[in-house]
Structure formats: structure tokens, C-alpha cells
């Protein structure tokens, strides 16, 4: 029970802490403007190249799913960075509470926030860019979105482990957020990448999530996309495990070098 209490308190307080610098009106503005502007940019680039509605739909769906990374990767990576800048990181580290529920719990509210971002982006895709959801299997699509948000939070935790040691985790957050645009089949098929780079795509849970969501919108059932979701879950759990190892190892390194409080 104590671990569950730590898990839920970490989830709630880490998310609420954002509003010391990010107020609700700004959060709502970002929630609607960020997904729309990104989707519109790439859709308009696609329309410049071709008027094929399948291509437009491909791009819109990919960008709708990619918006989850702003919450589950960018926000999760910067959690420790904000603790460091605000001077609360030493207090967190010295607590006798178990590290694992703290580590995982702090990302969970961002999972819900990421799911909301995807839902809003789907509305834009339908009403502004004409994506057809008539054949969509909503159960399969919903599970794909939930699993993608969860596994991408795991990926964010993996990268966030570096935040203990490096001064500017925001740099890592920016790098990996845009790396996902290149490698995860957001705007073009993975097969269009150079052959040596294609295996990299399958190290990211988002690759599987986008593929599963596209198939679910086209009418594939949960059973039909379950192999893709299974691979996504495996990659996500591996990310969490490796991230937790990084979390502990970089915590020890930061203690030894004094970087724990360096800003």
C-alpha cells in the first residue's frame, strides 16, 4: 500500500508542480495550438507534393499520434531538470521512499495528458483535414493510443535518467522529440529511410503505436493489431527497465561528482 501511495502522490504532485511556471490558460493554449500547428505544417507540405487523400490522411494520423511525445517524452525528460533548477532534487533523492514508484509515478499524469493531446489532434484530423474514421475500430484505436502513451512515457523515463548528470536536459528533450519525427513513420514510411537507419525505427515504441493506429482507423480489429501492440509493449517495458537502471546509476554518479545540485 505504501508503494501505491508513493506512486499516486508522485504522479499528482509532479504534474501539479508544472503550474508553478505553466499556468492553466497557457496549458490549454499549448494543448490546442501545438498539435494543430504541427499537423497543419506537415499536411500542407504533403499537399504541395500531392493531392492524394491517402497521403494526407497518412500524415495527419502520424502527427496526431506523435503529439503524445510532447507530453510523454518532452515533459517527462524535463521533470528532473525542473527539480534541479528549483532546488528540490536533493530533497527528492534523500527521501527514504522506494525509488521505483517515484520513478514511474512521476510520468503517469503525463500519460493521461498525452492521451488528451492525441484525442484533440484526431478531432483536427477529422474536421480540418478530412481523415475518414468511418471504418475505424474504436476499441482497437483506443487501446493503441493508451499503450502508445504508456510506452512513450517509459521511453521518456529512459532519456530522463540522464537529467541527473547533465546540466541541460531540455536539450535532450528537444533532440529526441524531433528524432521521433524522422524515425517513427510519422510523415513517411520507414522504408523510405536509408537501409542502415531503418532498424533504429523499431527501437521507439511510437513506431509501433502509429502503425497500429493507422491500421485500426482503416478497420483492423484489436486481434489483428495485437502483434504490433505486443511488440510495442515489450519495447516500452524494456525502456522503463533501462531507464530505471540509468536513473540509479546517474544518481550515484551525480552524488560523487556534485552534479546533483549543479544548474
C-alpha atoms as a PDB file:
ATOM      1  CA  UNK A   1       0.000   0.000   0.000  1.00  0.00           C
ATOM      2  CA  UNK A   2       2.816   2.400   0.792  1.00  0.00           C
ATOM      3  CA  UNK A   3       4.261   1.929  -2.692  1.00  0.00           C
ATOM      4  CA  UNK A   4       0.864   2.633  -4.261  1.00  0.00           C
ATOM      5  CA  UNK A   5       0.542   5.767  -2.139  1.00  0.00           C
ATOM      6  CA  UNK A   6       4.003   6.909  -3.242  1.00  0.00           C
ATOM      7  CA  UNK A   7       3.123   6.117  -6.862  1.00  0.00           C
ATOM      8  CA  UNK A   8      -0.087   8.172  -6.876  1.00  0.00           C
ATOM      9  CA  UNK A   9       1.317  11.071  -4.854  1.00  0.00           C
ATOM     10  CA  UNK A  10       4.327  11.250  -7.198  1.00  0.00           C
ATOM     11  CA  UNK A  11       2.006  11.250 -10.216  1.00  0.00           C
ATOM     12  CA  UNK A  12      -0.223  14.032  -8.876  1.00  0.00           C
ATOM     13  CA  UNK A  13       2.361  16.338  -7.331  1.00  0.00           C
ATOM     14  CA  UNK A  14       4.850  16.148 -10.201  1.00  0.00           C
ATOM     15  CA  UNK A  15       2.099  17.228 -12.607  1.00  0.00           C
ATOM     16  CA  UNK A  16       0.736  19.950 -10.334  1.00  0.00           C
ATOM     17  CA  UNK A  17       4.237  21.322  -9.883  1.00  0.00           C
ATOM     18  CA  UNK A  18       4.298  22.324 -13.534  1.00  0.00           C
ATOM     19  CA  UNK A  19       1.767  25.051 -12.845  1.00  0.00           C
ATOM     20  CA  UNK A  20       4.270  26.954 -10.734  1.00  0.00           C
ATOM     21  CA  UNK A  21       5.648  28.010 -14.105  1.00  0.00           C
ATOM     22  CA  UNK A  22       2.956  26.843 -16.550  1.00  0.00           C
ATOM     23  CA  UNK A  23      -0.481  28.292 -15.801  1.00  0.00           C
ATOM     24  CA  UNK A  24      -3.708  26.562 -16.934  1.00  0.00           C
ATOM     25  CA  UNK A  25      -4.580  29.063 -19.725  1.00  0.00           C
ATOM     26  CA  UNK A  26      -1.125  28.586 -21.219  1.00  0.00           C
ATOM     27  CA  UNK A  27      -1.510  24.801 -20.881  1.00  0.00           C
ATOM     28  CA  UNK A  28      -4.826  24.912 -22.755  1.00  0.00           C
ATOM     29  CA  UNK A  29      -3.328  27.118 -25.462  1.00  0.00           C
ATOM     30  CA  UNK A  30      -0.443  24.699 -25.948  1.00  0.00           C
ATOM     31  CA  UNK A  31      -2.817  21.751 -25.885  1.00  0.00           C
ATOM     32  CA  UNK A  32      -4.745  23.066 -28.895  1.00  0.00           C
ATOM     33  CA  UNK A  33      -2.175  25.146 -30.755  1.00  0.00           C
ATOM     34  CA  UNK A  34       0.823  22.806 -30.689  1.00  0.00           C
ATOM     35  CA  UNK A  35      -0.869  19.758 -32.205  1.00  0.00           C
ATOM     36  CA  UNK A  36      -2.754  21.800 -34.790  1.00  0.00           C
ATOM     37  CA  UNK A  37       0.272  23.795 -35.949  1.00  0.00           C
ATOM     38  CA  UNK A  38       2.459  20.710 -36.295  1.00  0.00           C
ATOM     39  CA  UNK A  39      -0.194  18.738 -38.148  1.00  0.00           C
ATOM     40  CA  UNK A  40      -1.075  21.647 -40.436  1.00  0.00           C
ATOM     41  CA  UNK A  41       2.558  22.268 -41.355  1.00  0.00           C
ATOM     42  CA  UNK A  42       3.242  18.718 -42.476  1.00  0.00           C
ATOM     43  CA  UNK A  43      -0.158  18.255 -44.117  1.00  0.00           C
ATOM     44  CA  UNK A  44       0.345  21.412 -46.177  1.00  0.00           C
ATOM     45  CA  UNK A  45       3.809  20.212 -47.194  1.00  0.00           C
ATOM     46  CA  UNK A  46       2.217  16.933 -48.240  1.00  0.00           C
ATOM     47  CA  UNK A  47      -0.478  18.756 -50.218  1.00  0.00           C
ATOM     48  CA  UNK A  48       2.221  20.722 -52.025  1.00  0.00           C
ATOM     49  CA  UNK A  49       3.727  17.416 -53.169  1.00  0.00           C
ATOM     50  CA  UNK A  50       0.488  15.548 -53.922  1.00  0.00           C
ATOM     51  CA  UNK A  51      -3.270  15.861 -53.552  1.00  0.00           C
ATOM     52  CA  UNK A  52      -3.651  12.143 -52.834  1.00  0.00           C
ATOM     53  CA  UNK A  53      -6.087  11.957 -49.866  1.00  0.00           C
ATOM     54  CA  UNK A  54      -4.390   8.782 -48.659  1.00  0.00           C
ATOM     55  CA  UNK A  55      -1.120  10.644 -48.256  1.00  0.00           C
ATOM     56  CA  UNK A  56      -2.844  13.489 -46.410  1.00  0.00           C
ATOM     57  CA  UNK A  57      -4.545  11.006 -44.103  1.00  0.00           C
ATOM     58  CA  UNK A  58      -1.253   9.188 -43.544  1.00  0.00           C
ATOM     59  CA  UNK A  59       0.457  12.417 -42.477  1.00  0.00           C
ATOM     60  CA  UNK A  60      -2.421  13.659 -40.314  1.00  0.00           C
ATOM     61  CA  UNK A  61      -2.732  10.386 -38.386  1.00  0.00           C
ATOM     62  CA  UNK A  62       1.022  10.147 -37.886  1.00  0.00           C
ATOM     63  CA  UNK A  63       1.230  13.655 -36.475  1.00  0.00           C
ATOM     64  CA  UNK A  64      -1.821  13.095 -34.275  1.00  0.00           C
ATOM     65  CA  UNK A  65      -0.053  10.163 -32.609  1.00  0.00           C
ATOM     66  CA  UNK A  66       3.254  11.990 -32.480  1.00  0.00           C
ATOM     67  CA  UNK A  67       1.761  14.717 -30.291  1.00  0.00           C
ATOM     68  CA  UNK A  68       1.865  12.223 -27.431  1.00  0.00           C
ATOM     69  CA  UNK A  69       5.649  12.607 -27.401  1.00  0.00           C
ATOM     70  CA  UNK A  70       5.398  16.245 -26.308  1.00  0.00           C
ATOM     71  CA  UNK A  71       3.819  15.046 -23.074  1.00  0.00           C
ATOM     72  CA  UNK A  72       5.322  11.641 -22.502  1.00  0.00           C
ATOM     73  CA  UNK A  73       8.850  12.386 -23.727  1.00  0.00           C
ATOM     74  CA  UNK A  74       9.456  16.131 -23.556  1.00  0.00           C
ATOM     75  CA  UNK A  75       7.594  16.705 -20.268  1.00  0.00           C
ATOM     76  CA  UNK A  76       8.890  13.543 -18.589  1.00  0.00           C
ATOM     77  CA  UNK A  77      12.506  14.287 -19.530  1.00  0.00           C
ATOM     78  CA  UNK A  78      12.293  17.764 -18.048  1.00  0.00           C
ATOM     79  CA  UNK A  79      10.789  16.684 -14.692  1.00  0.00           C
ATOM     80  CA  UNK A  80      14.199  16.119 -13.101  1.00  0.00           C
ATOM     81  CA  UNK A  81      15.569  19.218 -14.789  1.00  0.00           C
ATOM     82  CA  UNK A  82      12.906  21.353 -13.125  1.00  0.00           C
ATOM     83  CA  UNK A  83      13.666  19.723  -9.771  1.00  0.00           C
ATOM     84  CA  UNK A  84      17.310  20.610 -10.244  1.00  0.00           C
ATOM     85  CA  UNK A  85      16.618  24.233 -11.166  1.00  0.00           C
ATOM     86  CA  UNK A  86      14.067  24.666  -8.365  1.00  0.00           C
ATOM     87  CA  UNK A  87      16.378  23.163  -5.761  1.00  0.00           C
ATOM     88  CA  UNK A  88      14.004  20.315  -4.849  1.00  0.00           C
ATOM     89  CA  UNK A  89      16.042  17.460  -6.347  1.00  0.00           C
ATOM     90  CA  UNK A  90      18.203  16.858  -3.220  1.00  0.00           C
ATOM     91  CA  UNK A  91      15.029  16.628  -1.130  1.00  0.00           C
ATOM     92  CA  UNK A  92      13.611  14.045  -3.527  1.00  0.00           C
ATOM     93  CA  UNK A  93      16.788  11.975  -3.526  1.00  0.00           C
ATOM     94  CA  UNK A  94      17.186  11.952   0.255  1.00  0.00           C
ATOM     95  CA  UNK A  95      13.671  10.640   0.860  1.00  0.00           C
ATOM     96  CA  UNK A  96      13.599   7.059   2.217  1.00  0.00           C
ATOM     97  CA  UNK A  97      10.749   6.154  -0.159  1.00  0.00           C
ATOM     98  CA  UNK A  98      11.307   3.456  -2.768  1.00  0.00           C
ATOM     99  CA  UNK A  99      12.745   4.840  -5.987  1.00  0.00           C
ATOM    100  CA  UNK A 100      10.708   2.666  -8.367  1.00  0.00           C
ATOM    101  CA  UNK A 101       7.185   4.034  -7.613  1.00  0.00           C
ATOM    102  CA  UNK A 102       8.621   7.558  -7.594  1.00  0.00           C
ATOM    103  CA  UNK A 103      10.380   6.926 -10.898  1.00  0.00           C
ATOM    104  CA  UNK A 104       7.310   5.506 -12.664  1.00  0.00           C
ATOM    105  CA  UNK A 105       4.644   7.521 -10.858  1.00  0.00           C
ATOM    106  CA  UNK A 106       6.054  10.884 -11.890  1.00  0.00           C
ATOM    107  CA  UNK A 107       5.357  10.073 -15.535  1.00  0.00           C
ATOM    108  CA  UNK A 108       1.821   8.740 -15.206  1.00  0.00           C
ATOM    109  CA  UNK A 109      -0.135  12.014 -15.305  1.00  0.00           C
ATOM    110  CA  UNK A 110       1.724  12.819 -18.491  1.00  0.00           C
ATOM    111  CA  UNK A 111       0.342   9.592 -19.946  1.00  0.00           C
ATOM    112  CA  UNK A 112      -3.202  10.878 -19.419  1.00  0.00           C
ATOM    113  CA  UNK A 113      -2.208  14.298 -20.698  1.00  0.00           C
ATOM    114  CA  UNK A 114      -0.689  12.706 -23.797  1.00  0.00           C
ATOM    115  CA  UNK A 115      -3.869  10.744 -24.494  1.00  0.00           C
ATOM    116  CA  UNK A 116      -5.807  14.008 -24.347  1.00  0.00           C
ATOM    117  CA  UNK A 117      -3.392  15.563 -26.841  1.00  0.00           C
ATOM    118  CA  UNK A 118      -3.951  12.697 -29.269  1.00  0.00           C
ATOM    119  CA  UNK A 119      -7.742  12.905 -28.906  1.00  0.00           C
ATOM    120  CA  UNK A 120      -7.691  16.644 -29.689  1.00  0.00           C
ATOM    121  CA  UNK A 121      -5.425  16.044 -32.680  1.00  0.00           C
ATOM    122  CA  UNK A 122      -7.793  13.379 -34.024  1.00  0.00           C
ATOM    123  CA  UNK A 123     -10.585  15.970 -33.947  1.00  0.00           C
ATOM    124  CA  UNK A 124      -8.405  18.286 -36.044  1.00  0.00           C
ATOM    125  CA  UNK A 125      -7.605  15.426 -38.419  1.00  0.00           C
ATOM    126  CA  UNK A 126     -11.296  14.655 -38.955  1.00  0.00           C
ATOM    127  CA  UNK A 127     -12.810  18.116 -39.253  1.00  0.00           C
ATOM    128  CA  UNK A 128      -9.959  20.113 -40.793  1.00  0.00           C
ATOM    129  CA  UNK A 129      -8.098  17.581 -42.922  1.00  0.00           C
ATOM    130  CA  UNK A 130     -10.845  15.145 -43.876  1.00  0.00           C
ATOM    131  CA  UNK A 131      -9.453  11.960 -42.342  1.00  0.00           C
ATOM    132  CA  UNK A 132     -12.128   9.256 -42.603  1.00  0.00           C
ATOM    133  CA  UNK A 133     -12.860   7.445 -39.328  1.00  0.00           C
ATOM    134  CA  UNK A 134     -15.989   5.709 -40.671  1.00  0.00           C
ATOM    135  CA  UNK A 135     -14.362   2.271 -40.694  1.00  0.00           C
ATOM    136  CA  UNK A 136     -12.322   2.732 -37.532  1.00  0.00           C
ATOM    137  CA  UNK A 137     -12.383   0.091 -34.819  1.00  0.00           C
ATOM    138  CA  UNK A 138     -12.659   2.448 -31.842  1.00  0.00           C
ATOM    139  CA  UNK A 139     -11.745  -0.186 -29.255  1.00  0.00           C
ATOM    140  CA  UNK A 140      -8.565  -1.131 -31.105  1.00  0.00           C
ATOM    141  CA  UNK A 141      -7.715   2.536 -31.686  1.00  0.00           C
ATOM    142  CA  UNK A 142      -8.301   3.469 -28.042  1.00  0.00           C
ATOM    143  CA  UNK A 143      -6.067   0.673 -26.778  1.00  0.00           C
ATOM    144  CA  UNK A 144      -3.386   1.619 -29.301  1.00  0.00           C
ATOM    145  CA  UNK A 145      -3.430   5.229 -28.055  1.00  0.00           C
ATOM    146  CA  UNK A 146      -3.356   4.212 -24.374  1.00  0.00           C
ATOM    147  CA  UNK A 147      -0.493   1.784 -24.917  1.00  0.00           C
ATOM    148  CA  UNK A 148       1.440   4.293 -27.007  1.00  0.00           C
ATOM    149  CA  UNK A 149       1.136   6.941 -24.300  1.00  0.00           C
ATOM    150  CA  UNK A 150       2.277   4.480 -21.621  1.00  0.00           C
ATOM    151  CA  UNK A 151       5.221   3.084 -23.576  1.00  0.00           C
ATOM    152  CA  UNK A 152       6.375   6.506 -24.725  1.00  0.00           C
ATOM    153  CA  UNK A 153       6.382   7.631 -21.090  1.00  0.00           C
ATOM    154  CA  UNK A 154       8.721   4.711 -20.495  1.00  0.00           C
ATOM    155  CA  UNK A 155      10.950   5.985 -23.280  1.00  0.00           C
ATOM    156  CA  UNK A 156      10.828   9.461 -21.719  1.00  0.00           C
ATOM    157  CA  UNK A 157      11.915   7.976 -18.386  1.00  0.00           C
ATOM    158  CA  UNK A 158      14.818   6.254 -20.130  1.00  0.00           C
ATOM    159  CA  UNK A 159      16.127   9.512 -21.560  1.00  0.00           C
ATOM    160  CA  UNK A 160      15.184  11.392 -18.388  1.00  0.00           C
ATOM    161  CA  UNK A 161      17.681   9.319 -16.402  1.00  0.00           C
ATOM    162  CA  UNK A 162      20.418  11.445 -17.945  1.00  0.00           C
ATOM    163  CA  UNK A 163      18.910  14.534 -16.320  1.00  0.00           C
ATOM    164  CA  UNK A 164      20.633  13.764 -13.046  1.00  0.00           C
ATOM    165  CA  UNK A 165      24.030  14.172 -14.606  1.00  0.00           C
ATOM    166  CA  UNK A 166      23.628  16.665 -17.439  1.00  0.00           C
ATOM    167  CA  UNK A 167      23.006  20.328 -16.843  1.00  0.00           C
ATOM    168  CA  UNK A 168      20.517  20.926 -19.648  1.00  0.00           C
ATOM    169  CA  UNK A 169      18.060  18.022 -20.046  1.00  0.00           C
ATOM    170  CA  UNK A 170      15.911  20.328 -22.183  1.00  0.00           C
ATOM    171  CA  UNK A 171      18.494  19.831 -24.955  1.00  0.00           C
ATOM    172  CA  UNK A 172      17.979  16.061 -24.846  1.00  0.00           C
ATOM    173  CA  UNK A 173      14.217  16.588 -24.785  1.00  0.00           C
ATOM    174  CA  UNK A 174      14.339  18.680 -27.956  1.00  0.00           C
ATOM    175  CA  UNK A 175      16.682  16.308 -29.752  1.00  0.00           C
ATOM    176  CA  UNK A 176      14.663  13.168 -29.091  1.00  0.00           C
ATOM    177  CA  UNK A 177      11.293  14.801 -29.710  1.00  0.00           C
ATOM    178  CA  UNK A 178      12.365  15.660 -33.255  1.00  0.00           C
ATOM    179  CA  UNK A 179      14.258  12.409 -33.795  1.00  0.00           C
ATOM    180  CA  UNK A 180      10.886  10.686 -33.446  1.00  0.00           C
ATOM    181  CA  UNK A 181       9.576  12.681 -36.414  1.00  0.00           C
ATOM    182  CA  UNK A 182      12.289  11.183 -38.591  1.00  0.00           C
ATOM    183  CA  UNK A 183      12.417   7.565 -37.497  1.00  0.00           C
ATOM    184  CA  UNK A 184       8.883   6.608 -36.472  1.00  0.00           C
ATOM    185  CA  UNK A 185       6.995   6.783 -39.763  1.00  0.00           C
ATOM    186  CA  UNK A 186       5.156   9.956 -38.820  1.00  0.00           C
ATOM    187  CA  UNK A 187       5.206  11.650 -42.222  1.00  0.00           C
ATOM    188  CA  UNK A 188       6.657   8.973 -44.496  1.00  0.00           C
ATOM    189  CA  UNK A 189       7.059   5.182 -44.397  1.00  0.00           C
ATOM    190  CA  UNK A 190      10.057   3.783 -42.567  1.00  0.00           C
ATOM    191  CA  UNK A 191      11.011   2.014 -45.796  1.00  0.00           C
ATOM    192  CA  UNK A 192      11.880   5.439 -47.259  1.00  0.00           C
ATOM    193  CA  UNK A 193      14.759   5.788 -44.795  1.00  0.00           C
ATOM    194  CA  UNK A 194      18.253   4.652 -45.844  1.00  0.00           C
ATOM    195  CA  UNK A 195      18.536   0.906 -45.273  1.00  0.00           C
ATOM    196  CA  UNK A 196      21.123   1.121 -42.449  1.00  0.00           C
ATOM    197  CA  UNK A 197      18.879   3.513 -40.482  1.00  0.00           C
ATOM    198  CA  UNK A 198      15.655   1.528 -40.691  1.00  0.00           C
ATOM    199  CA  UNK A 199      16.402  -0.800 -37.718  1.00  0.00           C
ATOM    200  CA  UNK A 200      16.682   2.276 -35.475  1.00  0.00           C
ATOM    201  CA  UNK A 201      12.990   2.968 -36.028  1.00  0.00           C
ATOM    202  CA  UNK A 202      11.996  -0.202 -34.209  1.00  0.00           C
ATOM    203  CA  UNK A 203      13.732   0.901 -31.001  1.00  0.00           C
ATOM    204  CA  UNK A 204      10.993   3.513 -30.487  1.00  0.00           C
ATOM    205  CA  UNK A 205       7.550   2.488 -29.163  1.00  0.00           C
ATOM    206  CA  UNK A 206       5.971   5.277 -31.217  1.00  0.00           C
ATOM    207  CA  UNK A 207       6.780   3.398 -34.436  1.00  0.00           C
ATOM    208  CA  UNK A 208       4.512   0.523 -33.418  1.00  0.00           C
ATOM    209  CA  UNK A 209       1.833   2.832 -31.998  1.00  0.00           C
ATOM    210  CA  UNK A 210       1.475   4.825 -35.199  1.00  0.00           C
ATOM    211  CA  UNK A 211       1.338   1.667 -37.305  1.00  0.00           C
ATOM    212  CA  UNK A 212      -1.311   0.133 -35.037  1.00  0.00           C
ATOM    213  CA  UNK A 213      -3.407   3.324 -35.007  1.00  0.00           C
ATOM    214  CA  UNK A 214      -3.364   3.613 -38.798  1.00  0.00           C
ATOM    215  CA  UNK A 215      -4.500   0.010 -39.136  1.00  0.00           C
ATOM    216  CA  UNK A 216      -7.252   0.480 -36.514  1.00  0.00           C
ATOM    217  CA  UNK A 217      -8.554   3.576 -38.303  1.00  0.00           C
ATOM    218  CA  UNK A 218      -8.595   1.596 -41.546  1.00  0.00           C
ATOM    219  CA  UNK A 219     -10.790  -1.026 -39.855  1.00  0.00           C
ATOM    220  CA  UNK A 220      -8.371  -3.560 -38.349  1.00  0.00           C
ATOM    221  CA  UNK A 221      -9.643  -5.225 -35.189  1.00  0.00           C
ATOM    222  CA  UNK A 222      -7.854  -5.487 -31.859  1.00  0.00           C
ATOM    223  CA  UNK A 223      -6.947  -9.098 -32.618  1.00  0.00           C
ATOM    224  CA  UNK A 224      -5.389  -8.079 -35.939  1.00  0.00           C
ATOM    225  CA  UNK A 225      -3.197  -5.366 -34.444  1.00  0.00           C
ATOM    226  CA  UNK A 226      -2.346  -7.287 -31.260  1.00  0.00           C
ATOM    227  CA  UNK A 227       1.058  -8.500 -32.588  1.00  0.00           C
ATOM    228  CA  UNK A 228       2.069  -4.877 -33.173  1.00  0.00           C
ATOM    229  CA  UNK A 229       0.814  -3.838 -29.746  1.00  0.00           C
ATOM    230  CA  UNK A 230       2.675  -6.754 -28.170  1.00  0.00           C
ATOM    231  CA  UNK A 231       5.953  -5.598 -29.700  1.00  0.00           C
ATOM    232  CA  UNK A 232       5.224  -2.051 -28.592  1.00  0.00           C
ATOM    233  CA  UNK A 233       4.627  -3.189 -25.016  1.00  0.00           C
ATOM    234  CA  UNK A 234       7.878  -5.149 -24.969  1.00  0.00           C
ATOM    235  CA  UNK A 235       9.864  -2.175 -26.242  1.00  0.00           C
ATOM    236  CA  UNK A 236       8.156   0.112 -23.713  1.00  0.00           C
ATOM    237  CA  UNK A 237       8.849  -2.189 -20.748  1.00  0.00           C
ATOM    238  CA  UNK A 238      12.475  -2.558 -21.814  1.00  0.00           C
ATOM    239  CA  UNK A 239      12.715   1.250 -21.968  1.00  0.00           C
ATOM    240  CA  UNK A 240      11.358   1.537 -18.414  1.00  0.00           C
ATOM    241  CA  UNK A 241      13.793  -1.105 -17.144  1.00  0.00           C
ATOM    242  CA  UNK A 242      16.807   0.501 -18.800  1.00  0.00           C
ATOM    243  CA  UNK A 243      15.606   3.939 -17.721  1.00  0.00           C
ATOM    244  CA  UNK A 244      15.400   2.823 -14.103  1.00  0.00           C
ATOM    245  CA  UNK A 245      18.965   1.480 -14.295  1.00  0.00           C
ATOM    246  CA  UNK A 246      20.089   4.825 -15.743  1.00  0.00           C
ATOM    247  CA  UNK A 247      18.124   6.622 -13.046  1.00  0.00           C
ATOM    248  CA  UNK A 248      20.049   4.817 -10.322  1.00  0.00           C
ATOM    249  CA  UNK A 249      23.462   4.893 -11.994  1.00  0.00           C
ATOM    250  CA  UNK A 250      23.327   8.577 -12.879  1.00  0.00           C
ATOM    251  CA  UNK A 251      22.045   9.378  -9.394  1.00  0.00           C
ATOM    252  CA  UNK A 252      25.172   7.741  -7.945  1.00  0.00           C
ATOM    253  CA  UNK A 253      27.419   9.480 -10.464  1.00  0.00           C
ATOM    254  CA  UNK A 254      25.802  12.846  -9.735  1.00  0.00           C
ATOM    255  CA  UNK A 255      26.329  12.371  -5.996  1.00  0.00           C
ATOM    256  CA  UNK A 256      30.028  11.589  -6.486  1.00  0.00           C
ATOM    257  CA  UNK A 257      30.718  14.497  -8.838  1.00  0.00           C
ATOM    258  CA  UNK A 258      28.453  17.102  -7.225  1.00  0.00           C
ATOM    259  CA  UNK A 259      26.322  17.443 -10.324  1.00  0.00           C
ATOM    260  CA  UNK A 260      23.175  16.628  -8.416  1.00  0.00           C
ATOM    261  CA  UNK A 261      22.742  20.284  -7.464  1.00  0.00           C
ATOM    262  CA  UNK A 262      24.548  21.820 -10.446  1.00  0.00           C
ATOM    263  CA  UNK A 263      22.366  24.085 -12.564  1.00  0.00           C
END
